[in-house]
Amino acid sequence: MALRLLLLPLLLLTATILITQAQGIGNLGMDCCLKYSQKPISGNRVTSYTLQEPESGCLLRAVVFTTKKNKKICASPTDPAVQKLMQNLDKRVRKDKKGQPPRYRGRPKHQKQQQV
C-alpha cells in the first residue's frame, strides 16, 4: 500500500520532466532559428558563425552568423553563398592564429607619456 502511494508522485514527477523537456522549457537560455534570412549576408559585417543542429534542441538546421554589432543572422547550410562565407571566415581565423596582427582601421590614439 505504501509503495502505491509513493509510486503515484514519482510517476507524476517523471511525466512532468518529460513534458517540459519536449516543450523545450529546459532550454530557456538558448535561442533557436525558426527561419532563414532571405537577405544576402555581407561578408565584411560578419565576425563568426556557429552551427545549429537538431541535437542542440532546435528543430531547424541552420548556420547562425554573428555580426560586428553582435546581431544574429540565420542562414541555410545548403546555400552555396553561405558555405563560401563560412570558408572565408575559417580562412580568416586560421590566418589570425598564425600570428599576424589584426588590421586596425583609422588613426591610432595617442597615448600620454608617463613621467619618470
N, C-alpha and C. Protein backbone atom coordinates (compact mmCIF):
# COMPACT_ATOMS: atom_id res chain seq x y z
N MET A 1 0.82 -1.19 0.00
CA MET A 1 0.00 0.00 0.00
C MET A 1 0.86 1.25 0.00
N ALA A 2 1.91 1.27 0.84
CA ALA A 2 2.81 2.43 0.91
C ALA A 2 3.56 2.60 -0.39
N LEU A 3 3.84 1.49 -1.05
CA LEU A 3 4.55 1.55 -2.33
C LEU A 3 3.69 2.22 -3.40
N ARG A 4 2.40 1.96 -3.39
CA ARG A 4 1.49 2.59 -4.35
C ARG A 4 1.40 4.09 -4.12
N LEU A 5 1.40 4.53 -2.86
CA LEU A 5 1.35 5.95 -2.55
C LEU A 5 2.62 6.67 -2.99
N LEU A 6 3.74 6.00 -2.94
CA LEU A 6 5.00 6.58 -3.38
C LEU A 6 5.13 6.54 -4.89
N LEU A 7 4.54 5.55 -5.52
CA LEU A 7 4.64 5.38 -6.97
C LEU A 7 3.89 6.47 -7.73
N LEU A 8 2.76 6.93 -7.25
CA LEU A 8 1.97 7.95 -7.93
C LEU A 8 2.72 9.29 -8.04
N PRO A 9 3.29 9.85 -6.96
CA PRO A 9 4.05 11.10 -7.10
C PRO A 9 5.29 10.95 -7.98
N LEU A 10 5.93 9.79 -7.90
CA LEU A 10 7.09 9.54 -8.75
C LEU A 10 6.70 9.50 -10.22
N LEU A 11 5.58 8.90 -10.52
CA LEU A 11 5.08 8.85 -11.90
C LEU A 11 4.70 10.24 -12.40
N LEU A 12 4.07 11.05 -11.56
CA LEU A 12 3.72 12.42 -11.94
C LEU A 12 4.96 13.28 -12.16
N LEU A 13 5.96 13.12 -11.33
CA LEU A 13 7.20 13.86 -11.49
C LEU A 13 7.91 13.48 -12.79
N THR A 14 7.95 12.21 -13.10
CA THR A 14 8.57 11.75 -14.35
C THR A 14 7.83 12.31 -15.56
N ALA A 15 6.51 12.29 -15.53
CA ALA A 15 5.72 12.81 -16.64
C ALA A 15 5.96 14.31 -16.81
N THR A 16 6.05 15.04 -15.73
CA THR A 16 6.29 16.49 -15.79
C THR A 16 7.65 16.78 -16.40
N ILE A 17 8.66 16.06 -16.01
CA ILE A 17 10.01 16.26 -16.56
C ILE A 17 10.02 15.97 -18.05
N LEU A 18 9.40 14.90 -18.47
CA LEU A 18 9.37 14.55 -19.90
C LEU A 18 8.62 15.60 -20.72
N ILE A 19 7.54 16.12 -20.20
CA ILE A 19 6.76 17.14 -20.92
C ILE A 19 7.55 18.43 -21.04
N THR A 20 8.21 18.86 -19.98
CA THR A 20 8.97 20.12 -20.04
C THR A 20 10.15 19.99 -20.98
N GLN A 21 10.79 18.84 -21.05
CA GLN A 21 11.89 18.66 -22.00
C GLN A 21 11.38 18.64 -23.42
N ALA A 22 10.23 18.05 -23.68
CA ALA A 22 9.66 18.00 -25.01
C ALA A 22 9.25 19.39 -25.49
N GLN A 23 8.83 20.26 -24.58
CA GLN A 23 8.43 21.60 -24.95
C GLN A 23 9.60 22.56 -25.03
N GLY A 24 10.78 22.14 -24.61
CA GLY A 24 11.95 23.00 -24.68
C GLY A 24 12.09 23.92 -23.49
N ILE A 25 11.32 23.72 -22.43
CA ILE A 25 11.41 24.58 -21.27
C ILE A 25 12.76 24.41 -20.59
N GLY A 26 13.36 23.26 -20.73
CA GLY A 26 14.68 23.04 -20.15
C GLY A 26 15.77 23.83 -20.85
N ASN A 27 15.51 24.37 -22.05
CA ASN A 27 16.49 25.13 -22.82
C ASN A 27 16.10 26.60 -22.88
N LEU A 28 15.78 27.22 -21.77
CA LEU A 28 15.33 28.61 -21.79
C LEU A 28 16.41 29.57 -22.24
N GLY A 29 17.68 29.27 -22.01
CA GLY A 29 18.75 30.19 -22.35
C GLY A 29 19.16 30.15 -23.81
N MET A 30 18.61 29.26 -24.60
CA MET A 30 19.06 29.09 -25.97
C MET A 30 18.05 29.66 -26.95
N ASP A 31 18.53 30.46 -27.88
CA ASP A 31 17.68 30.97 -28.95
C ASP A 31 17.86 30.07 -30.16
N CYS A 32 16.76 29.70 -30.77
CA CYS A 32 16.80 28.87 -31.96
C CYS A 32 16.33 29.65 -33.17
N CYS A 33 16.96 29.39 -34.30
CA CYS A 33 16.49 29.97 -35.56
C CYS A 33 15.19 29.26 -35.95
N LEU A 34 14.19 30.05 -36.29
CA LEU A 34 12.92 29.48 -36.71
C LEU A 34 12.76 29.54 -38.22
N LYS A 35 13.53 30.44 -38.88
CA LYS A 35 13.51 30.53 -40.33
C LYS A 35 14.82 31.16 -40.79
N TYR A 36 15.10 31.03 -42.08
CA TYR A 36 16.32 31.57 -42.65
C TYR A 36 16.09 33.01 -43.11
N SER A 37 17.14 33.80 -43.02
CA SER A 37 17.10 35.17 -43.54
C SER A 37 17.08 35.11 -45.07
N GLN A 38 16.28 35.95 -45.69
CA GLN A 38 16.18 35.97 -47.15
C GLN A 38 17.14 37.00 -47.76
N LYS A 39 17.72 37.87 -46.93
CA LYS A 39 18.62 38.91 -47.43
C LYS A 39 20.01 38.34 -47.61
N PRO A 40 20.76 38.83 -48.60
CA PRO A 40 22.15 38.39 -48.74
C PRO A 40 22.98 38.88 -47.54
N ILE A 41 23.94 38.08 -47.14
CA ILE A 41 24.74 38.39 -45.96
C ILE A 41 26.08 38.96 -46.42
N SER A 42 26.41 40.14 -45.92
CA SER A 42 27.66 40.80 -46.27
C SER A 42 28.82 40.20 -45.48
N GLY A 43 29.84 39.77 -46.18
CA GLY A 43 30.98 39.13 -45.53
C GLY A 43 31.79 40.05 -44.65
N ASN A 44 31.79 41.36 -44.94
CA ASN A 44 32.60 42.27 -44.12
C ASN A 44 31.89 42.65 -42.82
N ARG A 45 30.63 42.31 -42.66
CA ARG A 45 29.90 42.59 -41.41
C ARG A 45 29.97 41.42 -40.44
N VAL A 46 30.26 40.23 -40.95
CA VAL A 46 30.19 39.01 -40.15
C VAL A 46 31.54 38.72 -39.49
N THR A 47 31.50 38.36 -38.21
CA THR A 47 32.74 38.06 -37.49
C THR A 47 32.91 36.57 -37.18
N SER A 48 31.81 35.85 -37.05
CA SER A 48 31.90 34.42 -36.71
C SER A 48 30.59 33.72 -37.06
N TYR A 49 30.59 32.41 -36.89
CA TYR A 49 29.37 31.64 -37.10
C TYR A 49 29.37 30.41 -36.21
N THR A 50 28.17 29.89 -35.96
CA THR A 50 28.00 28.62 -35.26
C THR A 50 26.98 27.79 -36.03
N LEU A 51 27.00 26.52 -35.81
CA LEU A 51 26.05 25.62 -36.45
C LEU A 51 24.95 25.26 -35.46
N GLN A 52 23.73 25.37 -35.91
CA GLN A 52 22.58 24.97 -35.11
C GLN A 52 22.12 23.62 -35.62
N GLU A 53 22.20 22.64 -34.78
CA GLU A 53 21.85 21.26 -35.14
C GLU A 53 20.64 20.80 -34.34
N PRO A 54 19.91 19.82 -34.84
CA PRO A 54 18.78 19.28 -34.07
C PRO A 54 19.21 18.70 -32.71
N GLU A 55 20.46 18.26 -32.62
CA GLU A 55 20.94 17.71 -31.36
C GLU A 55 21.02 18.77 -30.26
N SER A 56 21.06 20.05 -30.66
CA SER A 56 21.15 21.13 -29.68
C SER A 56 19.78 21.51 -29.12
N GLY A 57 18.73 20.86 -29.59
CA GLY A 57 17.40 21.12 -29.08
C GLY A 57 16.56 22.01 -29.99
N CYS A 58 17.10 22.41 -31.13
CA CYS A 58 16.38 23.26 -32.09
C CYS A 58 15.92 22.39 -33.25
N LEU A 59 14.78 22.73 -33.81
CA LEU A 59 14.22 21.92 -34.88
C LEU A 59 14.87 22.17 -36.24
N LEU A 60 15.29 23.41 -36.49
CA LEU A 60 15.81 23.80 -37.79
C LEU A 60 17.33 23.72 -37.81
N ARG A 61 17.87 23.06 -38.84
CA ARG A 61 19.32 23.03 -39.04
C ARG A 61 19.70 24.34 -39.71
N ALA A 62 20.64 25.10 -39.11
CA ALA A 62 20.97 26.42 -39.64
C ALA A 62 22.41 26.80 -39.32
N VAL A 63 22.89 27.81 -40.05
CA VAL A 63 24.16 28.46 -39.74
C VAL A 63 23.80 29.81 -39.13
N VAL A 64 24.31 30.09 -37.95
CA VAL A 64 24.00 31.34 -37.26
C VAL A 64 25.24 32.23 -37.31
N PHE A 65 25.17 33.28 -38.13
CA PHE A 65 26.27 34.22 -38.25
C PHE A 65 26.12 35.30 -37.19
N THR A 66 27.25 35.77 -36.65
CA THR A 66 27.27 36.87 -35.69
C THR A 66 27.95 38.06 -36.37
N THR A 67 27.30 39.22 -36.33
CA THR A 67 27.84 40.42 -36.96
C THR A 67 28.71 41.21 -35.98
N LYS A 68 29.35 42.25 -36.50
CA LYS A 68 30.18 43.11 -35.66
C LYS A 68 29.36 43.79 -34.57
N LYS A 69 28.08 44.01 -34.84
CA LYS A 69 27.19 44.63 -33.85
C LYS A 69 26.52 43.59 -32.96
N ASN A 70 27.03 42.37 -32.99
CA ASN A 70 26.56 41.25 -32.17
C ASN A 70 25.11 40.86 -32.49
N LYS A 71 24.71 41.00 -33.73
CA LYS A 71 23.39 40.55 -34.16
C LYS A 71 23.53 39.15 -34.76
N LYS A 72 22.48 38.38 -34.66
CA LYS A 72 22.47 37.01 -35.18
C LYS A 72 21.69 36.96 -36.48
N ILE A 73 22.24 36.25 -37.48
CA ILE A 73 21.58 36.06 -38.76
C ILE A 73 21.54 34.57 -39.04
N CYS A 74 20.35 34.05 -39.29
CA CYS A 74 20.17 32.63 -39.56
C CYS A 74 20.20 32.40 -41.07
N ALA A 75 20.94 31.37 -41.49
CA ALA A 75 21.06 31.08 -42.92
C ALA A 75 21.02 29.58 -43.15
N SER A 76 20.68 29.22 -44.37
CA SER A 76 20.59 27.82 -44.75
C SER A 76 21.98 27.23 -44.95
N PRO A 77 22.28 26.08 -44.33
CA PRO A 77 23.60 25.48 -44.50
C PRO A 77 23.82 24.88 -45.89
N THR A 78 22.76 24.73 -46.67
CA THR A 78 22.91 24.17 -48.02
C THR A 78 23.09 25.24 -49.08
N ASP A 79 22.94 26.51 -48.72
CA ASP A 79 23.10 27.62 -49.67
C ASP A 79 24.58 27.76 -50.03
N PRO A 80 24.94 27.76 -51.33
CA PRO A 80 26.35 27.88 -51.73
C PRO A 80 27.01 29.18 -51.24
N ALA A 81 26.28 30.29 -51.22
CA ALA A 81 26.84 31.55 -50.74
C ALA A 81 27.16 31.47 -49.25
N VAL A 82 26.33 30.79 -48.50
CA VAL A 82 26.57 30.61 -47.06
C VAL A 82 27.79 29.74 -46.84
N GLN A 83 27.94 28.68 -47.61
CA GLN A 83 29.09 27.80 -47.48
C GLN A 83 30.38 28.54 -47.82
N LYS A 84 30.34 29.40 -48.84
CA LYS A 84 31.51 30.19 -49.23
C LYS A 84 31.88 31.17 -48.11
N LEU A 85 30.88 31.81 -47.51
CA LEU A 85 31.13 32.73 -46.41
C LEU A 85 31.73 32.00 -45.21
N MET A 86 31.27 30.81 -44.93
CA MET A 86 31.82 30.01 -43.84
C MET A 86 33.30 29.68 -44.11
N GLN A 87 33.62 29.32 -45.36
CA GLN A 87 35.01 29.03 -45.73
C GLN A 87 35.89 30.26 -45.56
N ASN A 88 35.39 31.42 -45.97
CA ASN A 88 36.16 32.66 -45.84
C ASN A 88 36.41 33.00 -44.37
N LEU A 89 35.40 32.79 -43.53
CA LEU A 89 35.59 33.04 -42.10
C LEU A 89 36.60 32.07 -41.49
N ASP A 90 36.55 30.81 -41.92
CA ASP A 90 37.52 29.82 -41.44
C ASP A 90 38.94 30.22 -41.84
N LYS A 91 39.11 30.69 -43.07
CA LYS A 91 40.43 31.14 -43.53
C LYS A 91 40.91 32.32 -42.72
N ARG A 92 40.00 33.25 -42.43
CA ARG A 92 40.35 34.44 -41.66
C ARG A 92 40.82 34.05 -40.25
N VAL A 93 40.14 33.09 -39.65
CA VAL A 93 40.51 32.65 -38.30
C VAL A 93 41.87 31.97 -38.33
N ARG A 94 42.12 31.12 -39.33
CA ARG A 94 43.41 30.44 -39.43
C ARG A 94 44.54 31.45 -39.65
N LYS A 95 44.27 32.46 -40.45
CA LYS A 95 45.27 33.50 -40.73
C LYS A 95 45.59 34.28 -39.46
N ASP A 96 44.58 34.60 -38.67
CA ASP A 96 44.80 35.33 -37.42
C ASP A 96 45.56 34.48 -36.40
N LYS A 97 45.33 33.18 -36.41
CA LYS A 97 46.00 32.31 -35.45
C LYS A 97 47.47 32.10 -35.79
N LYS A 98 47.88 32.38 -37.02
CA LYS A 98 49.27 32.20 -37.41
C LYS A 98 50.17 33.29 -36.87
N GLY A 99 49.62 34.23 -36.14
CA GLY A 99 50.44 35.23 -35.51
C GLY A 99 50.45 36.57 -36.22
N GLN A 100 49.69 36.72 -37.26
CA GLN A 100 49.64 38.01 -37.92
C GLN A 100 48.75 38.93 -37.10
N PRO A 101 49.23 40.13 -36.84
CA PRO A 101 48.41 41.04 -36.04
C PRO A 101 47.17 41.47 -36.81
N PRO A 102 46.08 41.74 -36.10
CA PRO A 102 44.86 42.19 -36.79
C PRO A 102 45.07 43.57 -37.38
N ARG A 103 44.37 43.84 -38.47
CA ARG A 103 44.47 45.15 -39.11
C ARG A 103 43.59 46.13 -38.36
N TYR A 104 44.17 47.31 -38.11
CA TYR A 104 43.41 48.36 -37.43
C TYR A 104 43.00 49.40 -38.46
N ARG A 105 41.82 49.94 -38.29
CA ARG A 105 41.33 50.97 -39.19
C ARG A 105 41.34 52.30 -38.48
N GLY A 106 41.66 53.33 -39.21
CA GLY A 106 41.67 54.66 -38.61
C GLY A 106 43.01 54.97 -37.99
N ARG A 107 43.11 56.15 -37.45
CA ARG A 107 44.35 56.59 -36.84
C ARG A 107 44.46 56.01 -35.44
N PRO A 108 45.68 55.64 -35.03
CA PRO A 108 45.84 55.17 -33.66
C PRO A 108 45.69 56.32 -32.68
N LYS A 109 45.18 56.02 -31.52
CA LYS A 109 45.01 57.03 -30.49
C LYS A 109 46.36 57.32 -29.86
N HIS A 110 46.60 58.59 -29.57
CA HIS A 110 47.87 58.97 -28.95
C HIS A 110 47.81 58.64 -27.46
N GLN A 111 48.89 58.07 -26.99
CA GLN A 111 48.96 57.73 -25.59
C GLN A 111 49.76 58.80 -24.85
N LYS A 112 49.36 59.06 -23.65
CA LYS A 112 50.09 60.01 -22.83
C LYS A 112 51.41 59.41 -22.39
N GLN A 113 52.46 60.20 -22.43
CA GLN A 113 53.75 59.71 -21.98
C GLN A 113 53.79 59.75 -20.47
N GLN A 114 54.37 58.71 -19.90
CA GLN A 114 54.47 58.66 -18.45
C GLN A 114 55.69 59.46 -18.00
N GLN A 115 55.52 60.22 -16.94
CA GLN A 115 56.63 60.96 -16.38
C GLN A 115 57.40 60.07 -15.43
N VAL A 116 58.70 60.11 -15.56
CA VAL A 116 59.54 59.25 -14.73
C VAL A 116 60.18 60.04 -13.63
